[in-house]
C-alpha atoms as a PDB file:
ATOM      1  CA  LEU A   1     -49.472  36.399  83.464  1.00  0.00           C
ATOM      2  CA  VAL A   2     -49.312  33.093  85.254  1.00  0.00           C
ATOM      3  CA  GLY A   3     -49.223  33.735  88.969  1.00  0.00           C
ATOM      4  CA  SER A   4     -50.032  37.406  88.534  1.00  0.00           C
ATOM      5  CA  PRO A   5     -52.703  38.636  90.960  1.00  0.00           C
ATOM      6  CA  TYR A   6     -54.011  40.932  88.220  1.00  0.00           C
ATOM      7  CA  ALA A   7     -54.648  38.249  85.607  1.00  0.00           C
ATOM      8  CA  ALA A   8     -58.075  36.770  85.336  1.00  0.00           C
ATOM      9  CA  GLN A   9     -58.190  32.971  85.180  1.00  0.00           C
ATOM     10  CA  ALA A  10     -60.113  33.142  81.911  1.00  0.00           C
ATOM     11  CA  MET A  11     -57.291  35.187  80.376  1.00  0.00           C
ATOM     12  CA  VAL A  12     -54.653  32.690  81.580  1.00  0.00           C
ATOM     13  CA  ASP A  13     -56.705  29.785  80.245  1.00  0.00           C
ATOM     14  CA  GLU A  14     -57.137  31.503  76.885  1.00  0.00           C
ATOM     15  CA  LEU A  15     -53.413  32.193  76.544  1.00  0.00           C
ATOM     16  CA  ALA A  16     -52.555  28.633  77.609  1.00  0.00           C
ATOM     17  CA  ALA A  17     -54.929  27.264  74.968  1.00  0.00           C
ATOM     18  CA  MET A  18     -53.404  29.517  72.301  1.00  0.00           C
ATOM     19  CA  LEU A  19     -49.913  28.429  73.304  1.00  0.00           C
ATOM     20  CA  ALA A  20     -50.926  24.740  73.222  1.00  0.00           C
ATOM     21  CA  GLU A  21     -52.415  25.224  69.747  1.00  0.00           C
ATOM     22  CA  LEU A  22     -49.253  26.905  68.470  1.00  0.00           C
ATOM     23  CA  LEU A  23     -47.070  24.153  69.905  1.00  0.00           C
ATOM     24  CA  ALA A  24     -49.271  21.456  68.354  1.00  0.00           C
ATOM     25  CA  ASP A  25     -48.794  23.015  64.920  1.00  0.00           C
ATOM     26  CA  LEU A  26     -45.003  23.055  65.194  1.00  0.00           C
ATOM     27  CA  PRO A  27     -43.475  20.145  63.285  1.00  0.00           C
ATOM     28  CA  LEU A  28     -41.092  18.018  65.293  1.00  0.00           C
ATOM     29  CA  LYS A  29     -37.526  17.743  64.071  1.00  0.00           C
ATOM     30  CA  GLY A  30     -36.960  14.388  62.414  1.00  0.00           C
ATOM     31  CA  ASP A  31     -34.358  11.840  63.421  1.00  0.00           C
ATOM     32  CA  PRO A  32     -31.972  11.314  60.479  1.00  0.00           C
ATOM     33  CA  ALA A  33     -30.621   7.956  61.781  1.00  0.00           C
ATOM     34  CA  GLY A  34     -32.596   5.800  59.328  1.00  0.00           C
ATOM     35  CA  LEU A  35     -31.716   7.965  56.347  1.00  0.00           C
ATOM     36  CA  GLN A  36     -28.067   8.057  57.447  1.00  0.00           C
ATOM     37  CA  GLN A  37     -28.020   4.263  57.749  1.00  0.00           C
ATOM     38  CA  ALA A  38     -29.524   3.859  54.269  1.00  0.00           C
ATOM     39  CA  TYR A  39     -26.998   6.324  52.860  1.00  0.00           C
ATOM     40  CA  ASN A  40     -24.065   4.622  54.613  1.00  0.00           C
ATOM     41  CA  GLY A  41     -25.201   1.271  53.235  1.00  0.00           C
ATOM     42  CA  LEU A  42     -24.712   2.375  49.635  1.00  0.00           C
ATOM     43  CA  ALA A  43     -21.928   0.459  47.945  1.00  0.00           C
ATOM     44  CA  GLY A  44     -20.031   1.231  44.782  1.00  0.00           C
ATOM     45  CA  ASN A  45     -19.889   4.302  42.632  1.00  0.00           C
ATOM     46  CA  GLU A  46     -21.061   5.451  39.241  1.00  0.00           C
ATOM     47  CA  ALA A  47     -18.589   3.296  37.302  1.00  0.00           C
ATOM     48  CA  ASP A  48     -20.005   0.150  38.929  1.00  0.00           C
ATOM     49  CA  TYR A  49     -23.515   0.603  37.510  1.00  0.00           C
ATOM     50  CA  THR A  50     -25.182   0.927  34.124  1.00  0.00           C
ATOM     51  CA  PRO A  51     -25.516   4.588  33.111  1.00  0.00           C
ATOM     52  CA  LYS A  52     -29.289   4.417  32.919  1.00  0.00           C
ATOM     53  CA  SER A  53     -29.720   2.920  36.387  1.00  0.00           C
ATOM     54  CA  TRP A  54     -27.192   5.372  37.875  1.00  0.00           C
ATOM     55  CA  MET A  55     -28.970   8.385  36.370  1.00  0.00           C
ATOM     56  CA  ALA A  56     -32.283   7.186  37.834  1.00  0.00           C
ATOM     57  CA  PHE A  57     -30.649   6.709  41.259  1.00  0.00           C
ATOM     58  CA  LEU A  58     -28.617   9.922  41.433  1.00  0.00           C
ATOM     59  CA  PRO A  59     -31.414  12.390  42.363  1.00  0.00           C
ATOM     60  CA  TYR A  60     -32.360  10.234  45.364  1.00  0.00           C
ATOM     61  CA  ARG A  61     -28.754  10.102  46.541  1.00  0.00           C
ATOM     62  CA  GLN A  62     -28.362  13.863  46.143  1.00  0.00           C
ATOM     63  CA  THR A  63     -31.608  14.498  48.024  1.00  0.00           C
ATOM     64  CA  ALA A  64     -30.419  12.280  50.881  1.00  0.00           C
ATOM     65  CA  GLU A  65     -27.086  14.108  51.028  1.00  0.00           C
ATOM     66  CA  ALA A  66     -28.809  17.489  51.158  1.00  0.00           C
ATOM     67  CA  MET A  67     -31.265  16.357  53.818  1.00  0.00           C
ATOM     68  CA  LEU A  68     -28.522  14.860  55.965  1.00  0.00           C
ATOM     69  CA  ALA A  69     -26.516  18.087  55.730  1.00  0.00           C
ATOM     70  CA  THR A  70     -29.504  20.096  56.971  1.00  0.00           C
ATOM     71  CA  ALA A  71     -31.338  17.446  59.012  1.00  0.00           C
ATOM     72  CA  ASP A  72     -32.783  19.965  61.487  1.00  0.00           C
ATOM     73  CA  ASN A  73     -34.997  21.343  58.722  1.00  0.00           C
ATOM     74  CA  TYR A  74     -36.958  18.124  58.176  1.00  0.00           C
ATOM     75  CA  THR A  75     -39.733  16.320  59.991  1.00  0.00           C
ATOM     76  CA  GLN A  76     -39.766  12.597  60.721  1.00  0.00           C
ATOM     77  CA  PRO A  77     -42.250  11.826  57.928  1.00  0.00           C
ATOM     78  CA  GLN A  78     -39.972  13.654  55.484  1.00  0.00           C
ATOM     79  CA  MET A  79     -36.940  11.715  56.749  1.00  0.00           C
ATOM     80  CA  ASN A  80     -38.838   8.428  56.470  1.00  0.00           C
ATOM     81  CA  ALA A  81     -40.000   9.215  52.938  1.00  0.00           C
ATOM     82  CA  ALA A  82     -36.451  10.094  51.837  1.00  0.00           C
ATOM     83  CA  GLU A  83     -35.065   6.906  53.402  1.00  0.00           C
ATOM     84  CA  SER A  84     -37.679   4.756  51.691  1.00  0.00           C
ATOM     85  CA  ALA A  85     -37.094   6.428  48.325  1.00  0.00           C
ATOM     86  CA  LEU A  86     -33.306   6.067  48.639  1.00  0.00           C
ATOM     87  CA  ARG A  87     -33.536   2.371  49.510  1.00  0.00           C
ATOM     88  CA  LYS A  88     -35.913   1.732  46.587  1.00  0.00           C
ATOM     89  CA  ALA A  89     -33.667   3.620  44.148  1.00  0.00           C
ATOM     90  CA  ALA A  90     -30.563   1.779  45.393  1.00  0.00           C
ATOM     91  CA  ALA A  91     -32.298  -1.583  44.941  1.00  0.00           C
ATOM     92  CA  ALA A  92     -32.935  -0.702  41.290  1.00  0.00           C
ATOM     93  CA  LEU A  93     -29.239  -0.071  40.517  1.00  0.00           C
ATOM     94  CA  VAL A  94     -27.869  -2.496  37.914  1.00  0.00           C
ATOM     95  CA  LEU A  95     -24.235  -3.539  38.156  1.00  0.00           C
ATOM     96  CA  GLN A  96     -22.219  -3.137  34.970  1.00  0.00           C
ATOM     97  CA  THR A  97     -20.738  -6.617  35.309  1.00  0.00           C
ATOM     98  CA  ASP A  98     -24.205  -8.202  35.404  1.00  0.00           C
ATOM     99  CA  TYR A  99     -25.166  -6.498  32.164  1.00  0.00           C
ATOM    100  CA  ALA A 100     -21.794  -7.142  30.513  1.00  0.00           C
ATOM    101  CA  LEU A 101     -21.972 -10.861  31.286  1.00  0.00           C
ATOM    102  CA  LEU A 102     -25.518 -11.067  29.956  1.00  0.00           C
ATOM    103  CA  GLU A 103     -24.497  -9.240  26.768  1.00  0.00           C
ATOM    104  CA  ALA A 104     -21.501 -11.545  26.250  1.00  0.00           C
ATOM    105  CA  ALA A 105     -23.708 -14.628  26.622  1.00  0.00           C
ATOM    106  CA  LEU A 106     -26.267 -13.168  24.225  1.00  0.00           C
ATOM    107  CA  ASN A 107     -23.583 -12.452  21.635  1.00  0.00           C
ATOM    108  CA  GLU A 108     -22.209 -15.992  21.878  1.00  0.00           C
ATOM    109  CA  ALA A 109     -25.710 -17.477  21.616  1.00  0.00           C
ATOM    110  CA  MET A 110     -26.461 -15.320  18.575  1.00  0.00           C
ATOM    111  CA  ASP A 111     -23.288 -16.584  16.915  1.00  0.00           C
ATOM    112  CA  ILE A 112     -24.435 -20.163  17.506  1.00  0.00           C
ATOM    113  CA  ILE A 113     -27.917 -19.395  16.165  1.00  0.00           C
ATOM    114  CA  LEU A 114     -26.629 -17.697  13.024  1.00  0.00           C
ATOM    115  CA  ASN A 115     -23.608 -19.817  12.200  1.00  0.00           C
ATOM    116  CA  ARG A 116     -23.566 -23.171  13.946  1.00  0.00           C
ATOM    117  CA  GLU A 117     -27.093 -24.589  14.186  1.00  0.00           C
ATOM    118  CA  ALA A 118     -26.106 -27.646  12.142  1.00  0.00           C
ATOM    119  CA  ASP A 119     -23.426 -28.558  14.688  1.00  0.00           C
ATOM    120  CA  TYR A 120     -25.951 -29.348  17.428  1.00  0.00           C
ATOM    121  CA  SER A 121     -28.902 -31.667  18.007  1.00  0.00           C
ATOM    122  CA  ALA A 122     -32.291 -30.148  17.207  1.00  0.00           C
ATOM    123  CA  GLN A 123     -33.536 -30.564  20.779  1.00  0.00           C
ATOM    124  CA  SER A 124     -30.536 -28.945  22.464  1.00  0.00           C
ATOM    125  CA  PHE A 125     -30.443 -26.183  19.847  1.00  0.00           C
ATOM    126  CA  ALA A 126     -34.159 -25.414  20.397  1.00  0.00           C
ATOM    127  CA  ALA A 127     -33.594 -25.205  24.172  1.00  0.00           C
ATOM    128  CA  MET A 128     -30.643 -22.863  23.685  1.00  0.00           C
ATOM    129  CA  GLU A 129     -32.577 -20.724  21.204  1.00  0.00           C
ATOM    130  CA  ALA A 130     -35.513 -20.402  23.635  1.00  0.00           C
ATOM    131  CA  GLY A 131     -33.031 -19.450  26.349  1.00  0.00           C
ATOM    132  CA  TYR A 132     -31.562 -16.827  24.037  1.00  0.00           C
ATOM    133  CA  PHE A 133     -34.912 -15.137  23.406  1.00  0.00           C
ATOM    134  CA  ALA A 134     -35.826 -15.187  27.108  1.00  0.00           C
ATOM    135  CA  ALA A 135     -32.432 -13.693  27.983  1.00  0.00           C
ATOM    136  CA  LYS A 136     -32.798 -11.054  25.254  1.00  0.00           C
ATOM    137  CA  GLU A 137     -36.125 -10.004  26.780  1.00  0.00           C
ATOM    138  CA  ALA A 138     -34.574  -9.962  30.246  1.00  0.00           C
ATOM    139  CA  ALA A 139     -31.688  -7.822  28.978  1.00  0.00           C
ATOM    140  CA  ALA A 140     -34.184  -5.239  27.746  1.00  0.00           C
ATOM    141  CA  ALA A 141     -36.019  -5.351  31.082  1.00  0.00           C
ATOM    142  CA  LEU A 142     -32.721  -4.999  32.921  1.00  0.00           C
ATOM    143  CA  GLU A 143     -31.702  -1.962  30.925  1.00  0.00           C
ATOM    144  CA  ASN A 144     -35.155  -0.342  30.988  1.00  0.00           C
ATOM    145  CA  SER A 145     -36.304  -0.977  34.530  1.00  0.00           C
ATOM    146  CA  GLY A 146     -33.498  -2.543  36.513  1.00  0.00           C
ATOM    147  CA  GLN A 147     -35.094  -5.979  36.858  1.00  0.00           C
ATOM    148  CA  ALA A 148     -31.818  -7.568  37.883  1.00  0.00           C
ATOM    149  CA  VAL A 149     -33.265 -10.730  39.434  1.00  0.00           C
ATOM    150  CA  GLU A 150     -35.158 -11.629  36.274  1.00  0.00           C
ATOM    151  CA  ALA A 151     -32.090 -10.928  34.155  1.00  0.00           C
ATOM    152  CA  ALA A 152     -29.866 -13.067  36.377  1.00  0.00           C
ATOM    153  CA  ASN A 153     -32.348 -15.941  36.162  1.00  0.00           C
ATOM    154  CA  ALA A 154     -32.537 -15.621  32.370  1.00  0.00           C
ATOM    155  CA  LEU A 155     -28.741 -15.500  32.123  1.00  0.00           C
ATOM    156  CA  ASN A 156     -28.445 -18.687  34.175  1.00  0.00           C
ATOM    157  CA  THR A 157     -31.043 -20.410  31.990  1.00  0.00           C
ATOM    158  CA  LEU A 158     -29.235 -19.345  28.817  1.00  0.00           C
ATOM    159  CA  LEU A 159     -25.834 -20.434  30.117  1.00  0.00           C
ATOM    160  CA  ASP A 160     -27.245 -23.810  31.206  1.00  0.00           C
ATOM    161  CA  ALA A 161     -28.797 -24.275  27.772  1.00  0.00           C
ATOM    162  CA  MET A 162     -25.534 -23.327  26.056  1.00  0.00           C
ATOM    163  CA  LEU A 163     -23.612 -25.773  28.236  1.00  0.00           C
ATOM    164  CA  SER A 164     -26.151 -28.475  27.422  1.00  0.00           C
ATOM    165  CA  LEU A 165     -25.814 -28.134  23.645  1.00  0.00           C
ATOM    166  CA  GLU A 166     -25.183 -31.564  22.198  1.00  0.00           C
ATOM    167  CA  ASP A 167     -22.464 -31.508  19.585  1.00  0.00           C
ATOM    168  CA  LEU A 168     -23.578 -33.744  16.696  1.00  0.00           C
ATOM    169  CA  ALA A 169     -20.056 -34.567  15.565  1.00  0.00           C
ATOM    170  CA  GLU A 170     -19.191 -35.688  19.070  1.00  0.00           C
ATOM    171  CA  ALA A 171     -22.454 -37.678  19.336  1.00  0.00           C
ATOM    172  CA  VAL A 172     -21.730 -39.428  16.014  1.00  0.00           C
ATOM    173  CA  ALA A 173     -18.173 -40.243  17.114  1.00  0.00           C
ATOM    174  CA  ASN A 174     -19.483 -41.644  20.400  1.00  0.00           C
ATOM    175  CA  ALA A 175     -22.069 -43.718  18.516  1.00  0.00           C
ATOM    176  CA  ASN A 176     -19.358 -45.040  16.159  1.00  0.00           C
ATOM    177  CA  ASP A 177     -17.207 -45.954  19.153  1.00  0.00           C
ATOM    178  CA  ILE A 178     -20.103 -47.793  20.717  1.00  0.00           C
ATOM    179  CA  LEU A 179     -20.936 -49.557  17.453  1.00  0.00           C
ATOM    180  CA  GLY A 180     -17.269 -50.451  16.859  1.00  0.00           C
ATOM    181  CA  LYS A 181     -17.067 -52.112  20.258  1.00  0.00           C
ATOM    182  CA  ALA A 182     -20.204 -54.153  19.765  1.00  0.00           C
END
């Protein structure tokens, strides 16, 4: 119609407006670069993470894989949303070694609490016991919601407290040595 001597300007304008409206409603193809970068940045595999955190992460990884395989079918907002969700899910993954170390420290602390309280000074034992309960809470948070930073902090506190336990037998021997030299 454009350029046709038989077309009325009003008809050309109407068709141009309709075409512009149709084009405005077409979603633009999204750029998968951000999602691809987030996906490529994933480290490790299922065996590296706690089962619970891996199962929570897996649907986001699978969605990203599917979207990257058919990237032309998605808009930029969809790509951005998938990237954000993948990054958030990956941040919540909990390494097996982190949890295993925390569990080992908790088991050792429990052994001290149940069987060897009398071997240590009351003050150092109380500090270790408080560290144990804080670490136990953090272990539950780690397993339930992937709060790895809090668990790592609690583990460090517990290990410091365990290393700071004052052995009474050693303290008595040191006191006897000091008294014997006086």
